[in-house]
Protein backbone atom coordinates (compact mmCIF):
# COMPACT_ATOMS: atom_id res chain seq x y z
CA MET A 1 70.72 234.52 71.93
CA ASP A 2 69.66 232.04 74.30
CA LEU A 3 66.47 233.08 76.02
CA ASP A 4 67.24 234.39 79.84
CA LEU A 5 64.03 232.81 82.44
CA ARG A 6 64.26 235.59 84.43
CA LYS A 7 63.44 237.87 82.24
CA VAL A 8 61.34 235.60 80.97
CA ARG A 9 59.28 235.93 83.94
CA TYR A 10 59.75 240.07 84.39
CA PHE A 11 57.76 239.55 80.86
CA VAL A 12 54.51 237.21 82.37
CA ALA A 13 53.46 239.08 85.59
CA THR A 14 53.95 242.57 83.33
CA ALA A 15 51.97 240.53 80.18
CA GLU A 16 49.21 239.00 83.32
CA LEU A 17 48.60 242.11 84.41
CA LEU A 18 49.10 244.90 81.49
CA HIS A 19 50.23 247.28 84.26
CA PHE A 20 54.46 248.04 84.71
CA GLY A 21 54.14 249.68 87.78
CA ARG A 22 51.62 246.76 89.64
CA ALA A 23 54.14 244.15 87.93
CA ALA A 24 57.55 245.44 89.49
CA GLU A 25 55.41 245.52 93.58
CA LEU A 26 54.35 242.19 92.52
CA LEU A 27 58.36 241.24 90.95
CA HIS A 28 59.68 243.01 93.97
CA ILE A 29 61.45 245.10 92.58
CA ALA A 30 61.97 249.29 90.89
CA GLN A 31 59.77 249.56 87.97
CA PRO A 32 63.42 250.82 85.92
CA VAL A 33 64.16 248.04 86.41
CA LEU A 34 61.74 246.33 85.54
CA SER A 35 61.37 248.16 82.05
CA ARG A 36 65.20 248.20 81.49
CA GLN A 37 64.61 244.10 81.56
CA ILE A 38 61.57 244.12 79.08
CA ARG A 39 63.50 246.39 76.51
CA ALA A 40 66.65 244.07 76.98
CA LEU A 41 64.10 241.12 76.20
CA GLU A 42 62.32 243.13 72.79
CA LYS A 43 66.38 243.38 72.29
CA ASP A 44 67.33 239.73 72.45
CA LEU A 45 64.05 238.92 70.20
CA GLY A 46 64.43 241.68 67.70
CA ALA A 47 60.55 242.06 68.41
CA THR A 48 58.36 244.89 70.16
CA LEU A 49 55.81 243.14 72.88
CA PHE A 50 54.24 245.74 74.20
CA GLU A 51 52.19 249.40 73.25
CA ARG A 52 52.69 251.86 75.39
CA ASP A 53 50.45 254.95 75.20
CA SER A 54 48.68 257.23 77.55
CA HIS A 55 46.25 254.19 77.40
CA GLY A 56 48.16 252.00 79.40
CA VAL A 57 50.03 249.30 77.95
CA THR A 58 48.71 247.01 75.90
CA LEU A 59 50.57 243.31 73.64
CA THR A 60 51.68 243.78 70.22
CA ALA A 61 51.24 240.35 67.95
CA ALA A 62 54.50 239.31 69.24
CA GLY A 63 54.00 240.07 72.73
CA ARG A 64 50.68 237.79 73.00
CA GLN A 65 52.91 234.99 70.74
CA LEU A 66 55.83 235.49 73.93
CA LEU A 67 52.56 235.14 75.91
CA ASP A 68 51.23 231.71 74.39
CA ASP A 69 54.76 229.89 74.69
CA ALA A 70 56.38 231.48 77.84
CA ARG A 71 53.78 229.98 80.83
CA ASN A 72 54.82 226.25 79.21
CA LEU A 73 58.48 227.46 78.91
CA LEU A 74 58.86 228.94 82.55
CA ALA A 75 56.61 225.24 84.05
CA ALA A 76 58.52 223.04 81.98
CA ALA A 77 61.75 225.16 83.58
CA ASP A 78 60.01 224.64 86.85
CA ALA A 79 59.58 221.02 86.43
CA THR A 80 62.75 220.73 85.51
CA ARG A 81 64.23 222.30 88.30
CA ARG A 82 61.61 219.76 90.43
CA ARG A 83 62.78 216.47 89.57
CA VAL A 84 66.31 216.78 89.76
CA GLN A 85 65.89 218.09 93.01
CA ARG A 86 63.71 215.37 93.62
CA ALA A 87 66.37 212.99 92.05
CA ALA A 88 68.83 214.42 94.36
CA ARG A 89 67.47 213.51 97.64
CA GLY A 90 67.86 210.20 97.08
CA PRO A 91 65.08 207.31 96.35
CA ASN A 92 62.90 207.18 93.05
CA ARG A 93 59.33 208.52 94.08
CA LEU A 94 56.01 209.04 91.85
CA VAL A 95 53.33 211.94 92.65
CA VAL A 96 49.85 210.96 91.29
CA GLY A 97 47.38 214.05 91.56
CA PHE A 98 44.33 212.90 91.74
CA ARG A 99 40.85 215.43 91.61
CA ALA A 100 37.60 215.07 94.48
CA GLY A 101 36.20 212.43 94.52
CA VAL A 102 38.79 210.01 91.91
CA VAL A 103 39.70 207.05 94.11
CA VAL A 104 43.33 206.23 92.61
CA THR A 105 43.64 203.86 95.86
CA HIS A 106 43.78 200.68 93.92
CA ALA A 107 45.95 202.03 90.76
CA VAL A 108 48.67 203.37 93.83
CA ARG A 109 48.48 200.17 95.53
CA ALA A 110 48.83 197.81 92.58
CA PHE A 111 52.12 199.80 91.11
CA ALA A 112 53.60 200.18 94.39
CA ALA A 113 53.44 196.60 94.49
CA ALA A 114 55.59 196.30 91.30
CA HIS A 115 57.71 198.64 91.94
CA PRO A 116 58.56 198.45 95.91
CA GLU A 117 61.78 200.14 95.38
CA VAL A 118 59.07 203.66 94.58
CA GLU A 119 57.92 205.56 96.89
CA VAL A 120 54.40 206.64 95.40
CA GLN A 121 52.29 209.93 97.06
CA ALA A 122 48.58 211.35 96.16
CA ARG A 123 48.20 214.64 95.90
CA ARG A 124 44.82 216.33 95.15
CA VAL A 125 44.51 219.28 92.32
CA GLU A 126 41.60 221.44 91.51
CA TRP A 127 39.88 222.58 88.91
CA ASP A 128 42.62 225.20 87.91
CA ASP A 129 45.92 224.19 88.69
CA GLN A 130 45.27 220.19 86.93
CA GLU A 131 47.22 221.15 83.81
CA ARG A 132 49.93 223.01 85.71
CA SER A 133 49.92 220.87 88.75
CA ILE A 134 51.27 218.22 85.57
CA LEU A 135 53.45 220.70 84.07
CA ASP A 136 55.51 222.31 86.66
CA GLY A 137 56.51 219.05 87.86
CA THR A 138 54.44 218.89 91.39
CA VAL A 139 52.54 215.58 89.89
CA ASP A 140 54.12 213.75 87.50
CA LEU A 141 50.71 212.61 86.38
CA ALA A 142 47.11 213.55 87.32
CA TYR A 143 43.09 212.25 86.75
CA VAL A 144 41.74 215.00 85.60
CA ARG A 145 38.32 216.40 84.77
CA ARG A 146 37.07 217.97 81.84
CA PRO A 147 37.49 220.68 80.33
CA VAL A 148 41.42 220.09 80.44
CA GLN A 149 43.62 222.63 78.62
CA GLU A 150 45.99 220.03 76.03
CA ARG A 151 48.33 221.39 75.70
CA GLY A 152 51.67 220.14 76.29
CA LEU A 153 49.83 216.94 77.72
CA ARG A 154 49.39 213.31 76.85
CA LEU A 155 45.22 211.99 77.65
CA LEU A 156 43.62 208.55 78.76
CA PRO A 157 40.37 208.93 78.42
CA LEU A 158 39.17 206.08 81.82
CA PHE A 159 35.71 206.74 82.48
CA ALA A 160 32.81 208.83 82.53
CA GLU A 161 30.19 209.00 85.66
CA PRO A 162 27.01 210.66 85.70
CA ARG A 163 26.50 214.14 87.87
CA VAL A 164 23.87 214.78 90.14
CA ALA A 165 22.77 218.37 91.46
CA MET A 166 24.43 219.29 94.05
CA LEU A 167 20.98 221.40 96.62
CA PRO A 168 20.81 222.95 100.06
CA ALA A 169 18.53 220.21 102.34
CA GLY A 170 16.10 222.64 102.27
CA HIS A 171 15.54 223.31 98.81
CA ARG A 172 12.67 222.99 96.85
CA LEU A 173 13.68 220.22 94.75
CA ALA A 174 15.79 218.56 97.17
CA GLY A 175 12.86 215.47 98.14
CA LYS A 176 12.50 214.24 94.53
CA GLN A 177 13.97 211.13 92.85
CA GLU A 178 15.92 213.23 90.12
CA LEU A 179 15.90 215.80 87.95
CA ALA A 180 15.97 216.93 84.44
CA VAL A 181 18.59 219.35 83.61
CA ALA A 182 15.14 221.41 82.31
CA ASP A 183 13.92 221.69 86.12
CA LEU A 184 17.05 223.32 87.11
CA ASP A 185 16.44 226.28 85.11
CA GLY A 186 16.06 229.82 86.64
CA GLU A 187 17.77 228.63 89.67
CA PRO A 188 21.49 230.50 90.49
CA ARG A 189 24.42 228.38 89.57
CA LEU A 190 27.82 228.59 91.19
CA ARG A 191 30.01 230.90 89.17
CA TYR A 192 33.58 228.76 88.90
CA LEU A 193 34.96 228.56 85.52
CA ASP A 194 33.99 232.04 84.24
CA ALA A 195 33.35 233.67 87.43
CA GLY A 196 32.91 237.40 87.46
CA PRO A 197 35.44 240.37 88.17
CA ASP A 198 33.97 240.37 91.39
CA ASP A 199 33.47 237.02 92.49
CA VAL A 200 35.49 235.25 94.87
CA PRO A 201 36.76 231.72 93.04
CA ILE A 202 35.90 228.66 94.33
CA ARG A 203 38.01 226.03 93.56
CA THR A 204 37.58 222.68 96.10
CA ILE A 205 34.76 221.08 97.30
CA GLU A 206 34.50 222.05 100.53
CA GLU A 207 34.48 226.19 99.27
CA LYS A 208 30.71 224.41 96.88
CA PHE A 209 29.13 223.12 100.20
CA GLU A 210 29.81 226.54 102.04
CA ARG A 211 28.13 228.34 99.40
CA VAL A 212 25.22 226.13 98.10
CA ALA A 213 24.56 225.30 102.18
CA SER A 214 24.22 229.06 102.90
CA GLY A 215 22.00 229.58 99.96
CA HIS A 216 24.31 231.69 97.17
CA GLY A 217 23.59 228.60 94.40
CA ILE A 218 23.27 225.01 93.02
CA THR A 219 25.61 223.17 90.94
CA LEU A 220 26.34 219.95 89.59
CA VAL A 221 28.92 217.70 90.49
CA PRO A 222 29.85 214.23 89.19
CA ARG A 223 28.01 211.04 91.04
CA SER A 224 31.40 210.07 92.86
CA VAL A 225 31.90 212.90 94.62
CA ALA A 226 27.76 212.69 96.24
CA GLU A 227 29.26 209.02 97.91
CA GLN A 228 32.58 210.65 99.24
CA TYR A 229 31.06 214.02 100.27
CA SER A 230 28.08 214.01 102.73
CA ARG A 231 26.77 217.42 104.86
CA PRO A 232 23.13 216.95 106.48
CA ASP A 233 23.12 220.37 104.93
CA ILE A 234 23.84 219.70 101.91
CA THR A 235 21.94 217.36 99.24
CA TYR A 236 22.17 215.39 96.10
CA VAL A 237 19.44 214.35 93.31
CA PRO A 238 20.42 212.55 90.14
CA VAL A 239 20.46 214.56 86.75
CA PRO A 240 20.39 212.00 84.14
CA ASP A 241 20.25 214.36 81.17
CA ALA A 242 23.03 216.17 82.47
CA GLU A 243 26.74 215.63 80.57
CA PRO A 244 28.02 213.08 82.30
CA ASP A 245 31.59 214.22 83.39
CA GLU A 246 34.63 212.37 82.14
CA VAL A 247 37.69 211.49 83.84
CA LEU A 248 41.31 211.06 81.93
CA LEU A 249 44.95 210.12 83.22
CA ALA A 250 47.24 213.08 81.73
CA TRP A 251 50.94 213.35 81.90
CA GLU A 252 53.69 216.06 80.50
CA ALA A 253 54.16 214.70 76.10
CA SER A 254 57.68 215.14 76.07
CA ARG A 255 57.57 212.26 79.26
CA ARG A 256 59.81 208.83 78.51
CA THR A 257 60.93 207.88 81.80
CA PRO A 258 59.15 204.25 82.25
CA LEU A 259 57.73 205.13 85.75
CA ILE A 260 55.16 206.59 84.13
CA GLY A 261 54.54 204.26 81.26
CA ASP A 262 54.43 201.24 84.41
CA PHE A 263 51.58 203.47 85.68
CA VAL A 264 49.48 204.16 83.06
CA ARG A 265 49.68 200.73 82.29
CA VAL A 266 48.16 199.89 85.50
CA ALA A 267 45.35 202.84 85.46
CA ARG A 268 43.80 201.32 81.98
CA GLY A 269 43.92 198.01 83.37
């Protein structure tokens, strides 16, 4: 039996929250309806997806496997819908994603010159949506930074760049010509990849500015960020022994459109 994507969406919401009531609220449906849909999905698959007891809801091994696969399945379905709608609107279009600090102008111009019939647009992506933006069709390909969740993607390493410390202008290390990683020991670091449950997530460079300038912590950023973004209350100091920041071009592994291949060749050049 073919999978019902609506049921799969219901499952993912429930699996991520591990709470039928909150999942039903998120999905704007009644909890009994959600429960029936999950039971129907379990019947379709011939597997129990959730263990329900007095302590709450947990995923079975089958449920964990479905959750692992379902996110990419739903992203692929969303991507197909977006591409079909894009094609129905008329001329060819290529959307190129990029992270803060990465300059894509040269590649976009070179590609546009070779493909005047194609509308090329650039769109910034953030660390927490760079893979999803590709897989769900928001962008066709993107300049991403490590760490990258590679599943479902093809990656082309392009270059690496040094990192610099982003500090408040009045920080005790702000006047240094350069720093070592060891010089930053004991300094409060901004946490965004492993933020705690009570932390407000940091997504953008602008949010980093606000946190650093207000004294909540320091962070390391790619040198290109320091070159493109400046504020009087922020200073940057090179950290030569910090691990370099790697930039890669990423696109969905299953896509075979010639436009992506042509852009990859331009970016590689």
